Amino acid sequence: MTKLYRHRDLTQEAKNIIGDEVEYAYSTITQDDINRGQSIDPSASFQLNSIQPGGTPVIVKMKNGKIFNIWSSEWGGIDSRDTDSDIEEL
């Protein structure tokens, strides 16, 4: 499993969209991104009531324990995750 690093706290934006059941939300980057000097997708946009992450994965954890990734590149999608143990502070 690829190690992910928390990049930007998007908890408030996610709560504004999904509701108070959000425990946390973060944009993430990989070690490969860091090694290449890349950060988040340049097309990403994060505003008070809008998360448009481009190809940058956003990890969301709900208070019921459900965890999922969302992204919106040309192939955008949402995937469930079993754990958040592979996500570290940057």
PDB file of N, CA and C in Angstrom:
ATOM      1  N   MET A   1       0.835  -1.177   0.000  1.00  0.00           N
ATOM      2  CA  MET A   1       0.000   0.000   0.000  1.00  0.00           C
ATOM      3  C   MET A   1       0.885   1.247   0.000  1.00  0.00           C
ATOM      4  N   THR A   2       0.577   2.211  -0.827  1.00  0.00           N
ATOM      5  CA  THR A   2       1.346   3.445  -0.931  1.00  0.00           C
ATOM      6  C   THR A   2       1.096   4.332   0.277  1.00  0.00           C
ATOM      7  N   LYS A   3       2.177   4.814   0.865  1.00  0.00           N
ATOM      8  CA  LYS A   3       2.062   5.722   2.003  1.00  0.00           C
ATOM      9  C   LYS A   3       1.521   7.063   1.521  1.00  0.00           C
ATOM     10  N   LEU A   4       0.511   7.586   2.207  1.00  0.00           N
ATOM     11  CA  LEU A   4      -0.071   8.883   1.903  1.00  0.00           C
ATOM     12  C   LEU A   4       0.240   9.863   3.016  1.00  0.00           C
ATOM     13  N   TYR A   5       0.347  11.125   2.653  1.00  0.00           N
ATOM     14  CA  TYR A   5       0.591  12.186   3.613  1.00  0.00           C
ATOM     15  C   TYR A   5      -0.539  13.199   3.554  1.00  0.00           C
ATOM     16  N   ARG A   6      -1.000  13.616   4.729  1.00  0.00           N
ATOM     17  CA  ARG A   6      -2.029  14.646   4.787  1.00  0.00           C
ATOM     18  C   ARG A   6      -1.439  15.942   4.264  1.00  0.00           C
ATOM     19  N   HIS A   7      -2.128  16.560   3.337  1.00  0.00           N
ATOM     20  CA  HIS A   7      -1.618  17.783   2.728  1.00  0.00           C
ATOM     21  C   HIS A   7      -2.377  19.009   3.212  1.00  0.00           C
ATOM     22  N   ARG A   8      -3.676  18.982   3.074  1.00  0.00           N
ATOM     23  CA  ARG A   8      -4.497  20.137   3.457  1.00  0.00           C
ATOM     24  C   ARG A   8      -5.744  19.660   4.186  1.00  0.00           C
ATOM     25  N   ASP A   9      -6.026  20.289   5.311  1.00  0.00           N
ATOM     26  CA  ASP A   9      -7.214  19.942   6.087  1.00  0.00           C
ATOM     27  C   ASP A   9      -8.446  20.517   5.392  1.00  0.00           C
ATOM     28  N   LEU A  10      -9.354  19.636   4.988  1.00  0.00           N
ATOM     29  CA  LEU A  10     -10.590  20.031   4.306  1.00  0.00           C
ATOM     30  C   LEU A  10     -11.823  19.657   5.127  1.00  0.00           C
ATOM     31  N   THR A  11     -11.620  19.475   6.425  1.00  0.00           N
ATOM     32  CA  THR A  11     -12.717  19.024   7.276  1.00  0.00           C
ATOM     33  C   THR A  11     -13.898  19.988   7.236  1.00  0.00           C
ATOM     34  N   GLN A  12     -13.648  21.276   7.364  1.00  0.00           N
ATOM     35  CA  GLN A  12     -14.751  22.226   7.387  1.00  0.00           C
ATOM     36  C   GLN A  12     -15.495  22.246   6.054  1.00  0.00           C
ATOM     37  N   GLU A  13     -14.754  22.202   4.952  1.00  0.00           N
ATOM     38  CA  GLU A  13     -15.397  22.172   3.634  1.00  0.00           C
ATOM     39  C   GLU A  13     -16.276  20.932   3.495  1.00  0.00           C
ATOM     40  N   ALA A  14     -15.748  19.773   3.943  1.00  0.00           N
ATOM     41  CA  ALA A  14     -16.525  18.533   3.855  1.00  0.00           C
ATOM     42  C   ALA A  14     -17.758  18.589   4.747  1.00  0.00           C
ATOM     43  N   LYS A  15     -17.628  19.164   5.937  1.00  0.00           N
ATOM     44  CA  LYS A  15     -18.786  19.304   6.819  1.00  0.00           C
ATOM     45  C   LYS A  15     -19.838  20.217   6.208  1.00  0.00           C
ATOM     46  N   ASN A  16     -19.397  21.276   5.528  1.00  0.00           N
ATOM     47  CA  ASN A  16     -20.336  22.185   4.878  1.00  0.00           C
ATOM     48  C   ASN A  16     -21.122  21.471   3.781  1.00  0.00           C
ATOM     49  N   ILE A  17     -20.510  20.478   3.137  1.00  0.00           N
ATOM     50  CA  ILE A  17     -21.152  19.762   2.033  1.00  0.00           C
ATOM     51  C   ILE A  17     -21.926  18.545   2.535  1.00  0.00           C
ATOM     52  N   ILE A  18     -21.280  17.710   3.363  1.00  0.00           N
ATOM     53  CA  ILE A  18     -21.846  16.420   3.770  1.00  0.00           C
ATOM     54  C   ILE A  18     -22.608  16.525   5.086  1.00  0.00           C
ATOM     55  N   GLY A  19     -22.114  17.350   5.998  1.00  0.00           N
ATOM     56  CA  GLY A  19     -22.751  17.500   7.304  1.00  0.00           C
ATOM     57  C   GLY A  19     -21.808  17.186   8.447  1.00  0.00           C
ATOM     58  N   ASP A  20     -22.329  17.306   9.653  1.00  0.00           N
ATOM     59  CA  ASP A  20     -21.516  17.142  10.859  1.00  0.00           C
ATOM     60  C   ASP A  20     -21.080  15.707  11.119  1.00  0.00           C
ATOM     61  N   GLU A  21     -21.512  14.767  10.324  1.00  0.00           N
ATOM     62  CA  GLU A  21     -21.089  13.372  10.499  1.00  0.00           C
ATOM     63  C   GLU A  21     -19.663  13.145  10.001  1.00  0.00           C
ATOM     64  N   VAL A  22     -19.028  14.169   9.381  1.00  0.00           N
ATOM     65  CA  VAL A  22     -17.643  14.069   8.929  1.00  0.00           C
ATOM     66  C   VAL A  22     -16.727  14.205  10.135  1.00  0.00           C
ATOM     67  N   GLU A  23     -15.829  13.216  10.322  1.00  0.00           N
ATOM     68  CA  GLU A  23     -14.821  13.317  11.384  1.00  0.00           C
ATOM     69  C   GLU A  23     -13.645  14.149  10.899  1.00  0.00           C
ATOM     70  N   TYR A  24     -13.142  13.829   9.694  1.00  0.00           N
ATOM     71  CA  TYR A  24     -12.076  14.630   9.085  1.00  0.00           C
ATOM     72  C   TYR A  24     -12.066  14.429   7.585  1.00  0.00           C
ATOM     73  N   ALA A  25     -11.407  15.360   6.894  1.00  0.00           N
ATOM     74  CA  ALA A  25     -11.167  15.261   5.452  1.00  0.00           C
ATOM     75  C   ALA A  25      -9.846  15.968   5.150  1.00  0.00           C
ATOM     76  N   TYR A  26      -9.010  15.321   4.332  1.00  0.00           N
ATOM     77  CA  TYR A  26      -7.710  15.872   3.963  1.00  0.00           C
ATOM     78  C   TYR A  26      -7.432  15.609   2.499  1.00  0.00           C
ATOM     79  N   SER A  27      -6.800  16.571   1.821  1.00  0.00           N
ATOM     80  CA  SER A  27      -6.185  16.234   0.547  1.00  0.00           C
ATOM     81  C   SER A  27      -4.902  15.486   0.890  1.00  0.00           C
ATOM     82  N   THR A  28      -4.461  14.604   0.008  1.00  0.00           N
ATOM     83  CA  THR A  28      -3.279  13.786   0.288  1.00  0.00           C
ATOM     84  C   THR A  28      -2.300  13.818  -0.876  1.00  0.00           C
ATOM     85  N   ILE A  29      -1.036  13.578  -0.545  1.00  0.00           N
ATOM     86  CA  ILE A  29      -0.002  13.405  -1.553  1.00  0.00           C
ATOM     87  C   ILE A  29       0.814  12.174  -1.177  1.00  0.00           C
ATOM     88  N   THR A  30       1.533  11.625  -2.141  1.00  0.00           N
ATOM     89  CA  THR A  30       2.365  10.442  -1.906  1.00  0.00           C
ATOM     90  C   THR A  30       3.834  10.840  -1.776  1.00  0.00           C
ATOM     91  N   GLN A  31       4.663   9.905  -1.328  1.00  0.00           N
ATOM     92  CA  GLN A  31       6.105  10.160  -1.269  1.00  0.00           C
ATOM     93  C   GLN A  31       6.653  10.399  -2.663  1.00  0.00           C
ATOM     94  N   ASP A  32       6.131   9.693  -3.667  1.00  0.00           N
ATOM     95  CA  ASP A  32       6.557   9.921  -5.055  1.00  0.00           C
ATOM     96  C   ASP A  32       6.279  11.357  -5.484  1.00  0.00           C
ATOM     97  N   ASP A  33       5.105  11.890  -5.097  1.00  0.00           N
ATOM     98  CA  ASP A  33       4.785  13.287  -5.403  1.00  0.00           C
ATOM     99  C   ASP A  33       5.833  14.204  -4.790  1.00  0.00           C
ATOM    100  N   ILE A  34       6.161  13.953  -3.527  1.00  0.00           N
ATOM    101  CA  ILE A  34       7.142  14.775  -2.819  1.00  0.00           C
ATOM    102  C   ILE A  34       8.500  14.678  -3.503  1.00  0.00           C
ATOM    103  N   ASN A  35       8.927  13.459  -3.859  1.00  0.00           N
ATOM    104  CA  ASN A  35      10.224  13.259  -4.510  1.00  0.00           C
ATOM    105  C   ASN A  35      10.312  13.983  -5.847  1.00  0.00           C
ATOM    106  N   ARG A  36       9.177  14.087  -6.547  1.00  0.00           N
ATOM    107  CA  ARG A  36       9.143  14.784  -7.847  1.00  0.00           C
ATOM    108  C   ARG A  36       8.927  16.285  -7.693  1.00  0.00           C
ATOM    109  N   GLY A  37       8.820  16.753  -6.458  1.00  0.00           N
ATOM    110  CA  GLY A  37       8.599  18.169  -6.206  1.00  0.00           C
ATOM    111  C   GLY A  37       7.180  18.615  -6.517  1.00  0.00           C
ATOM    112  N   GLN A  38       6.246  17.658  -6.558  1.00  0.00           N
ATOM    113  CA  GLN A  38       4.867  17.990  -6.856  1.00  0.00           C
ATOM    114  C   GLN A  38       4.072  18.131  -5.573  1.00  0.00           C
ATOM    115  N   SER A  39       3.028  18.886  -5.668  1.00  0.00           N
ATOM    116  CA  SER A  39       2.123  19.041  -4.539  1.00  0.00           C
ATOM    117  C   SER A  39       0.779  18.501  -4.982  1.00  0.00           C
ATOM    118  N   ILE A  40      -0.257  19.298  -4.919  1.00  0.00           N
ATOM    119  CA  ILE A  40      -1.569  18.839  -5.344  1.00  0.00           C
ATOM    120  C   ILE A  40      -1.788  19.151  -6.816  1.00  0.00           C
ATOM    121  N   ASP A  41      -2.789  18.533  -7.396  1.00  0.00           N
ATOM    122  CA  ASP A  41      -3.169  18.783  -8.782  1.00  0.00           C
ATOM    123  C   ASP A  41      -3.407  20.287  -8.955  1.00  0.00           C
ATOM    124  N   PRO A  42      -2.743  20.914  -9.932  1.00  0.00           N
ATOM    125  CA  PRO A  42      -2.907  22.364 -10.101  1.00  0.00           C
ATOM    126  C   PRO A  42      -4.339  22.781 -10.445  1.00  0.00           C
ATOM    127  N   SER A  43      -5.155  21.850 -10.912  1.00  0.00           N
ATOM    128  CA  SER A  43      -6.541  22.195 -11.220  1.00  0.00           C
ATOM    129  C   SER A  43      -7.443  22.099  -9.989  1.00  0.00           C
ATOM    130  N   ALA A  44      -6.888  21.655  -8.863  1.00  0.00           N
ATOM    131  CA  ALA A  44      -7.675  21.496  -7.639  1.00  0.00           C
ATOM    132  C   ALA A  44      -8.162  22.848  -7.132  1.00  0.00           C
ATOM    133  N   SER A  45      -9.373  22.843  -6.603  1.00  0.00           N
ATOM    134  CA  SER A  45      -9.983  24.054  -6.052  1.00  0.00           C
ATOM    135  C   SER A  45     -10.720  23.678  -4.775  1.00  0.00           C
ATOM    136  N   PHE A  46     -10.407  24.374  -3.695  1.00  0.00           N
ATOM    137  CA  PHE A  46     -11.043  24.102  -2.404  1.00  0.00           C
ATOM    138  C   PHE A  46     -11.638  25.403  -1.886  1.00  0.00           C
ATOM    139  N   GLN A  47     -12.955  25.428  -1.765  1.00  0.00           N
ATOM    140  CA  GLN A  47     -13.660  26.615  -1.288  1.00  0.00           C
ATOM    141  C   GLN A  47     -14.638  26.196  -0.206  1.00  0.00           C
ATOM    142  N   LEU A  48     -15.249  27.166   0.438  1.00  0.00           N
ATOM    143  CA  LEU A  48     -16.103  26.921   1.586  1.00  0.00           C
ATOM    144  C   LEU A  48     -17.142  25.825   1.359  1.00  0.00           C
ATOM    145  N   ASN A  49     -17.814  25.825   0.236  1.00  0.00           N
ATOM    146  CA  ASN A  49     -18.852  24.842  -0.059  1.00  0.00           C
ATOM    147  C   ASN A  49     -18.535  24.008  -1.292  1.00  0.00           C
ATOM    148  N   SER A  50     -17.241  23.882  -1.608  1.00  0.00           N
ATOM    149  CA  SER A  50     -16.857  23.183  -2.833  1.00  0.00           C
ATOM    150  C   SER A  50     -15.488  22.536  -2.674  1.00  0.00           C
ATOM    151  N   ILE A  51     -15.434  21.246  -2.953  1.00  0.00           N
ATOM    152  CA  ILE A  51     -14.155  20.529  -3.008  1.00  0.00           C
ATOM    153  C   ILE A  51     -14.057  19.969  -4.419  1.00  0.00           C
ATOM    154  N   GLN A  52     -13.136  20.503  -5.214  1.00  0.00           N
ATOM    155  CA  GLN A  52     -12.894  20.026  -6.569  1.00  0.00           C
ATOM    156  C   GLN A  52     -11.425  19.631  -6.637  1.00  0.00           C
ATOM    157  N   PRO A  53     -11.116  18.383  -6.244  1.00  0.00           N
ATOM    158  CA  PRO A  53      -9.723  18.005  -6.032  1.00  0.00           C
ATOM    159  C   PRO A  53      -8.919  17.676  -7.279  1.00  0.00           C
ATOM    160  N   GLY A  54      -9.535  17.674  -8.462  1.00  0.00           N
ATOM    161  CA  GLY A  54      -8.792  17.237  -9.629  1.00  0.00           C
ATOM    162  C   GLY A  54      -8.318  15.818  -9.399  1.00  0.00           C
ATOM    163  N   GLY A  55      -7.078  15.523  -9.720  1.00  0.00           N
ATOM    164  CA  GLY A  55      -6.531  14.185  -9.510  1.00  0.00           C
ATOM    165  C   GLY A  55      -6.000  13.969  -8.104  1.00  0.00           C
ATOM    166  N   THR A  56      -6.060  14.993  -7.254  1.00  0.00           N
ATOM    167  CA  THR A  56      -5.567  14.887  -5.885  1.00  0.00           C
ATOM    168  C   THR A  56      -6.578  14.133  -5.026  1.00  0.00           C
ATOM    169  N   PRO A  57      -6.195  12.982  -4.473  1.00  0.00           N
ATOM    170  CA  PRO A  57      -7.145  12.247  -3.630  1.00  0.00           C
ATOM    171  C   PRO A  57      -7.487  13.003  -2.351  1.00  0.00           C
ATOM    172  N   VAL A  58      -8.744  12.960  -1.990  1.00  0.00           N
ATOM    173  CA  VAL A  58      -9.205  13.501  -0.712  1.00  0.00           C
ATOM    174  C   VAL A  58      -9.727  12.316   0.092  1.00  0.00           C
ATOM    175  N   ILE A  59      -9.210  12.174   1.300  1.00  0.00           N
ATOM    176  CA  ILE A  59      -9.632  11.110   2.205  1.00  0.00           C
ATOM    177  C   ILE A  59     -10.656  11.710   3.166  1.00  0.00           C
ATOM    178  N   VAL A  60     -11.799  11.050   3.287  1.00  0.00           N
ATOM    179  CA  VAL A  60     -12.847  11.498   4.209  1.00  0.00           C
ATOM    180  C   VAL A  60     -13.133  10.359   5.178  1.00  0.00           C
ATOM    181  N   LYS A  61     -13.184  10.688   6.472  1.00  0.00           N
ATOM    182  CA  LYS A  61     -13.585   9.708   7.478  1.00  0.00           C
ATOM    183  C   LYS A  61     -14.844  10.219   8.150  1.00  0.00           C
ATOM    184  N   MET A  62     -15.849   9.374   8.207  1.00  0.00           N
ATOM    185  CA  MET A  62     -17.109   9.712   8.838  1.00  0.00           C
ATOM    186  C   MET A  62     -17.075   9.282  10.305  1.00  0.00           C
ATOM    187  N   LYS A  63     -17.923   9.869  11.122  1.00  0.00           N
ATOM    188  CA  LYS A  63     -17.963   9.535  12.544  1.00  0.00           C
ATOM    189  C   LYS A  63     -18.406   8.095  12.787  1.00  0.00           C
ATOM    190  N   ASN A  64     -19.054   7.455  11.812  1.00  0.00           N
ATOM    191  CA  ASN A  64     -19.441   6.054  11.956  1.00  0.00           C
ATOM    192  C   ASN A  64     -18.299   5.104  11.610  1.00  0.00           C
ATOM    193  N   GLY A  65     -17.106   5.651  11.300  1.00  0.00           N
ATOM    194  CA  GLY A  65     -15.928   4.844  11.014  1.00  0.00           C
ATOM    195  C   GLY A  65     -15.685   4.579   9.543  1.00  0.00           C
ATOM    196  N   LYS A  66     -16.644   4.886   8.670  1.00  0.00           N
ATOM    197  CA  LYS A  66     -16.460   4.688   7.227  1.00  0.00           C
ATOM    198  C   LYS A  66     -15.424   5.673   6.709  1.00  0.00           C
ATOM    199  N   ILE A  67     -14.536   5.171   5.841  1.00  0.00           N
ATOM    200  CA  ILE A  67     -13.480   5.984   5.256  1.00  0.00           C
ATOM    201  C   ILE A  67     -13.552   5.810   3.745  1.00  0.00           C
ATOM    202  N   PHE A  68     -13.386   6.921   3.002  1.00  0.00           N
ATOM    203  CA  PHE A  68     -13.394   6.816   1.554  1.00  0.00           C
ATOM    204  C   PHE A  68     -12.500   7.869   0.914  1.00  0.00           C
ATOM    205  N   ASN A  69     -12.056   7.573  -0.314  1.00  0.00           N
ATOM    206  CA  ASN A  69     -11.279   8.496  -1.154  1.00  0.00           C
ATOM    207  C   ASN A  69     -12.227   9.086  -2.183  1.00  0.00           C
ATOM    208  N   ILE A  70     -12.061  10.347  -2.499  1.00  0.00           N
ATOM    209  CA  ILE A  70     -12.754  10.938  -3.646  1.00  0.00           C
ATOM    210  C   ILE A  70     -11.730  11.665  -4.501  1.00  0.00           C
ATOM    211  N   TRP A  71     -11.956  11.704  -5.777  1.00  0.00           N
ATOM    212  CA  TRP A  71     -11.112  12.454  -6.704  1.00  0.00           C
ATOM    213  C   TRP A  71     -11.959  12.791  -7.917  1.00  0.00           C
ATOM    214  N   SER A  72     -11.517  13.793  -8.676  1.00  0.00           N
ATOM    215  CA  SER A  72     -12.344  14.239  -9.797  1.00  0.00           C
ATOM    216  C   SER A  72     -11.529  14.529 -11.050  1.00  0.00           C
ATOM    217  N   SER A  73     -10.517  13.716 -11.313  1.00  0.00           N
ATOM    218  CA  SER A  73      -9.796  13.850 -12.574  1.00  0.00           C
ATOM    219  C   SER A  73     -10.738  13.422 -13.697  1.00  0.00           C
ATOM    220  N   GLU A  74     -10.251  13.284 -14.894  1.00  0.00           N
ATOM    221  CA  GLU A  74     -11.154  12.878 -15.974  1.00  0.00           C
ATOM    222  C   GLU A  74     -11.753  11.495 -15.736  1.00  0.00           C
ATOM    223  N   TRP A  75     -11.171  10.717 -14.812  1.00  0.00           N
ATOM    224  CA  TRP A  75     -11.718   9.399 -14.461  1.00  0.00           C
ATOM    225  C   TRP A  75     -12.393   9.428 -13.101  1.00  0.00           C
ATOM    226  N   GLY A  76     -12.495  10.543 -12.430  1.00  0.00           N
ATOM    227  CA  GLY A  76     -13.014  10.716 -11.080  1.00  0.00           C
ATOM    228  C   GLY A  76     -13.755   9.540 -10.474  1.00  0.00           C
ATOM    229  N   GLY A  77     -13.827   9.521  -9.173  1.00  0.00           N
ATOM    230  CA  GLY A  77     -14.536   8.441  -8.525  1.00  0.00           C
ATOM    231  C   GLY A  77     -14.495   8.528  -7.016  1.00  0.00           C
ATOM    232  N   ILE A  78     -14.984   7.475  -6.415  1.00  0.00           N
ATOM    233  CA  ILE A  78     -15.005   7.341  -4.968  1.00  0.00           C
ATOM    234  C   ILE A  78     -14.750   5.875  -4.642  1.00  0.00           C
ATOM    235  N   ASP A  79     -13.860   5.618  -3.704  1.00  0.00           N
ATOM    236  CA  ASP A  79     -13.519   4.259  -3.265  1.00  0.00           C
ATOM    237  C   ASP A  79     -13.592   4.188  -1.754  1.00  0.00           C
ATOM    238  N   SER A  80     -14.094   3.075  -1.236  1.00  0.00           N
ATOM    239  CA  SER A  80     -14.049   2.878   0.204  1.00  0.00           C
ATOM    240  C   SER A  80     -12.648   2.426   0.600  1.00  0.00           C
ATOM    241  N   ARG A  81     -12.282   2.680   1.857  1.00  0.00           N
ATOM    242  CA  ARG A  81     -10.998   2.273   2.410  1.00  0.00           C
ATOM    243  C   ARG A  81     -11.266   1.489   3.676  1.00  0.00           C
ATOM    244  N   ASP A  82     -10.415   0.515   3.950  1.00  0.00           N
ATOM    245  CA  ASP A  82     -10.539  -0.272   5.168  1.00  0.00           C
ATOM    246  C   ASP A  82      -9.901   0.411   6.375  1.00  0.00           C
ATOM    247  N   THR A  83      -8.907   1.256   6.114  1.00  0.00           N
ATOM    248  CA  THR A  83      -8.119   1.832   7.202  1.00  0.00           C
ATOM    249  C   THR A  83      -7.592   3.196   6.802  1.00  0.00           C
ATOM    250  N   ASP A  84      -7.176   3.968   7.795  1.00  0.00           N
ATOM    251  CA  ASP A  84      -6.455   5.214   7.537  1.00  0.00           C
ATOM    252  C   ASP A  84      -5.051   5.137   8.135  1.00  0.00           C
ATOM    253  N   SER A  85      -4.596   3.923   8.470  1.00  0.00           N
ATOM    254  CA  SER A  85      -3.292   3.753   9.124  1.00  0.00           C
ATOM    255  C   SER A  85      -2.115   4.041   8.187  1.00  0.00           C
ATOM    256  N   ASP A  86      -2.359   4.129   6.877  1.00  0.00           N
ATOM    257  CA  ASP A  86      -1.290   4.428   5.936  1.00  0.00           C
ATOM    258  C   ASP A  86      -1.174   5.928   5.664  1.00  0.00           C
ATOM    259  N   ILE A  87      -1.891   6.760   6.401  1.00  0.00           N
ATOM    260  CA  ILE A  87      -1.872   8.209   6.192  1.00  0.00           C
ATOM    261  C   ILE A  87      -1.138   8.856   7.352  1.00  0.00           C
ATOM    262  N   GLU A  88      -0.107   9.660   7.020  1.00  0.00           N
ATOM    263  CA  GLU A  88       0.703  10.305   8.052  1.00  0.00           C
ATOM    264  C   GLU A  88       0.689  11.816   7.852  1.00  0.00           C
ATOM    265  N   GLU A  89       1.087  12.514   8.904  1.00  0.00           N
ATOM    266  CA  GLU A  89       1.283  13.965   8.799  1.00  0.00           C
ATOM    267  C   GLU A  89       2.455  14.219   7.878  1.00  0.00           C
ATOM    268  N   LEU A  90       2.409  15.283   7.138  1.00  0.00           N
ATOM    269  CA  LEU A  90       3.496  15.662   6.225  1.00  0.00           C
ATOM    270  C   LEU A  90       4.628  16.297   6.986  1.00  0.00           C
TER     271      LEU A  90
END
